[in-house]
C-alpha cells in the first residue's frame, strides 16, 4: 500500500489525522497532487536530517495541541 492509500484509509477511520509524507523513491518525485485531499499534510523530500525530521514532527504535534486536538 502506498502512503496516500494508507492516509486515505486512516482518515476514513479517524478523521482529522495529520500526515507527514516523505519522498521514498529516487525515480519518482512526490508532487503536491500526490497528497491532495489531505489538508493537514506535510511533505519532506529525502534526504532529510534526523534533527529536521524531529523538528517537523514536533511542530505538527504542537500545532495539533494548540488547536485542542488529541492526535
Protein backbone atom coordinates (compact mmCIF):
# COMPACT_ATOMS: atom_id res chain seq x y z
CA UNK A 1 0.00 0.00 0.00
CA UNK A 2 1.32 3.42 -0.88
CA UNK A 3 1.39 6.31 1.59
CA UNK A 4 -1.53 8.14 0.01
CA UNK A 5 -3.67 4.99 0.16
CA UNK A 6 -2.76 4.49 3.81
CA UNK A 7 -3.61 8.11 4.58
CA UNK A 8 -6.99 7.74 2.85
CA UNK A 9 -7.86 4.62 4.84
CA UNK A 10 -6.58 6.02 8.15
CA UNK A 11 -8.53 9.25 7.61
CA UNK A 12 -11.70 7.27 7.00
CA UNK A 13 -11.27 5.58 10.37
CA UNK A 14 -10.02 8.62 12.24
CA UNK A 15 -10.84 11.95 10.60
CA UNK A 16 -8.51 14.82 11.42
CA UNK A 17 -5.30 12.81 11.47
CA UNK A 18 -2.23 14.69 10.32
CA UNK A 19 0.33 13.17 7.99
CA UNK A 20 3.95 13.77 7.13
CA UNK A 21 4.74 12.29 3.74
CA UNK A 22 8.34 11.66 2.81
CA UNK A 23 9.67 11.06 -0.66
CA UNK A 24 10.81 7.48 -0.93
CA UNK A 25 11.99 6.70 -4.43
CA UNK A 26 14.68 8.46 -6.38
CA UNK A 27 12.99 7.54 -9.66
CA UNK A 28 9.72 9.26 -8.74
CA UNK A 29 9.38 12.69 -7.21
CA UNK A 30 6.42 13.15 -4.88
CA UNK A 31 4.37 16.10 -6.04
CA UNK A 32 1.60 18.05 -4.24
CA UNK A 33 -1.07 16.32 -6.33
CA UNK A 34 0.04 13.02 -4.77
CA UNK A 35 -1.11 14.21 -1.37
CA UNK A 36 -4.00 16.48 -2.34
CA UNK A 37 -7.15 15.87 -0.37
CA UNK A 38 -5.25 15.86 2.91
CA UNK A 39 -5.11 19.48 4.07
CA UNK A 40 -3.10 18.79 7.25
CA UNK A 41 -0.22 17.20 5.41
CA UNK A 42 3.49 17.93 5.45
CA UNK A 43 5.85 16.88 2.67
CA UNK A 44 9.53 16.20 3.25
CA UNK A 45 11.96 15.44 0.46
CA UNK A 46 14.77 12.99 1.14
CA UNK A 47 17.47 13.18 2.19
CA UNK A 48 16.36 14.78 5.45
CA UNK A 49 18.50 15.26 8.51
CA UNK A 50 17.14 13.42 11.59
CA UNK A 51 17.08 16.63 13.62
CA UNK A 52 14.98 18.36 10.93
CA UNK A 53 12.56 15.41 10.84
CA UNK A 54 12.19 15.54 14.62
CA UNK A 55 11.52 19.29 14.49
CA UNK A 56 8.80 18.84 11.85
CA UNK A 57 7.11 16.06 13.83
CA UNK A 58 7.23 18.18 17.00
CA UNK A 59 5.87 21.18 15.09
CA UNK A 60 2.92 19.18 13.75
CA UNK A 61 2.17 17.78 17.20
CA UNK A 62 2.43 21.22 18.80
CA UNK A 63 0.05 22.71 16.20
CA UNK A 64 -2.44 19.97 16.99
CA UNK A 65 -2.22 20.63 20.74
CA UNK A 66 -2.61 24.37 20.20
CA UNK A 67 -5.79 23.69 18.25
CA UNK A 68 -7.13 21.45 21.00
CA UNK A 69 -6.64 18.20 19.11
CA UNK A 70 -5.66 14.87 20.56
CA UNK A 71 -3.85 13.18 17.67
